[in-house]
Amino acid sequence: MKIRGIDNVDAKFNDLVEASEKSLR
């Protein structure tokens, strides 16, 4: 079972990764 707090951090991190990938392109 995942902890919601960790899920939220993962979601924010994923958003940052996607944003950085788009800016690099």
N, C-alpha and C. Protein backbone atom coordinates (compact mmCIF):
# COMPACT_ATOMS: atom_id res chain seq x y z
N MET A 1 0.84 -1.19 0.00
CA MET A 1 0.00 0.00 0.00
C MET A 1 0.88 1.25 0.00
N LYS A 2 0.59 2.16 -0.91
CA LYS A 2 1.38 3.39 -0.98
C LYS A 2 0.82 4.46 -0.06
N ILE A 3 1.72 5.30 0.43
CA ILE A 3 1.28 6.42 1.28
C ILE A 3 0.91 7.59 0.38
N ARG A 4 -0.23 8.19 0.64
CA ARG A 4 -0.73 9.28 -0.22
C ARG A 4 0.30 10.40 -0.33
N GLY A 5 0.97 10.72 0.75
CA GLY A 5 1.96 11.79 0.74
C GLY A 5 3.06 11.49 -0.28
N ILE A 6 3.51 10.23 -0.31
CA ILE A 6 4.56 9.86 -1.26
C ILE A 6 4.00 9.93 -2.68
N ASP A 7 2.75 9.52 -2.86
CA ASP A 7 2.12 9.60 -4.19
C ASP A 7 2.10 11.04 -4.67
N ASN A 8 1.77 11.96 -3.77
CA ASN A 8 1.71 13.38 -4.15
C ASN A 8 3.09 13.86 -4.58
N VAL A 9 4.11 13.45 -3.86
CA VAL A 9 5.49 13.85 -4.21
C VAL A 9 5.85 13.28 -5.58
N ASP A 10 5.49 12.02 -5.81
CA ASP A 10 5.79 11.39 -7.10
C ASP A 10 5.09 12.13 -8.23
N ALA A 11 3.84 12.52 -8.00
CA ALA A 11 3.08 13.23 -9.04
C ALA A 11 3.74 14.56 -9.35
N LYS A 12 4.14 15.29 -8.30
CA LYS A 12 4.79 16.60 -8.52
C LYS A 12 6.12 16.40 -9.24
N PHE A 13 6.86 15.38 -8.85
CA PHE A 13 8.16 15.11 -9.48
C PHE A 13 7.96 14.77 -10.95
N ASN A 14 6.95 13.94 -11.23
CA ASN A 14 6.67 13.57 -12.62
C ASN A 14 6.32 14.81 -13.45
N ASP A 15 5.54 15.72 -12.87
CA ASP A 15 5.18 16.95 -13.58
C ASP A 15 6.44 17.76 -13.88
N LEU A 16 7.35 17.84 -12.91
CA LEU A 16 8.59 18.60 -13.13
C LEU A 16 9.42 17.95 -14.23
N VAL A 17 9.49 16.63 -14.23
CA VAL A 17 10.26 15.92 -15.26
C VAL A 17 9.65 16.18 -16.63
N GLU A 18 8.34 16.09 -16.74
CA GLU A 18 7.68 16.33 -18.03
C GLU A 18 7.92 17.76 -18.49
N ALA A 19 7.82 18.71 -17.59
CA ALA A 19 8.03 20.12 -17.94
C ALA A 19 9.46 20.33 -18.41
N SER A 20 10.42 19.75 -17.71
CA SER A 20 11.83 19.93 -18.08
C SER A 20 12.10 19.27 -19.43
N GLU A 21 11.48 18.11 -19.68
CA GLU A 21 11.68 17.43 -20.97
C GLU A 21 11.12 18.29 -22.10
N LYS A 22 9.96 18.89 -21.89
CA LYS A 22 9.37 19.74 -22.93
C LYS A 22 10.25 20.96 -23.20
N SER A 23 10.81 21.53 -22.14
CA SER A 23 11.64 22.74 -22.31
C SER A 23 12.94 22.38 -23.02
N LEU A 24 13.41 21.15 -22.86
CA LEU A 24 14.66 20.74 -23.50
C LEU A 24 14.45 20.52 -25.00
N ARG A 25 13.22 20.19 -25.39
CA ARG A 25 12.97 19.90 -26.81
C ARG A 25 12.86 21.17 -27.63
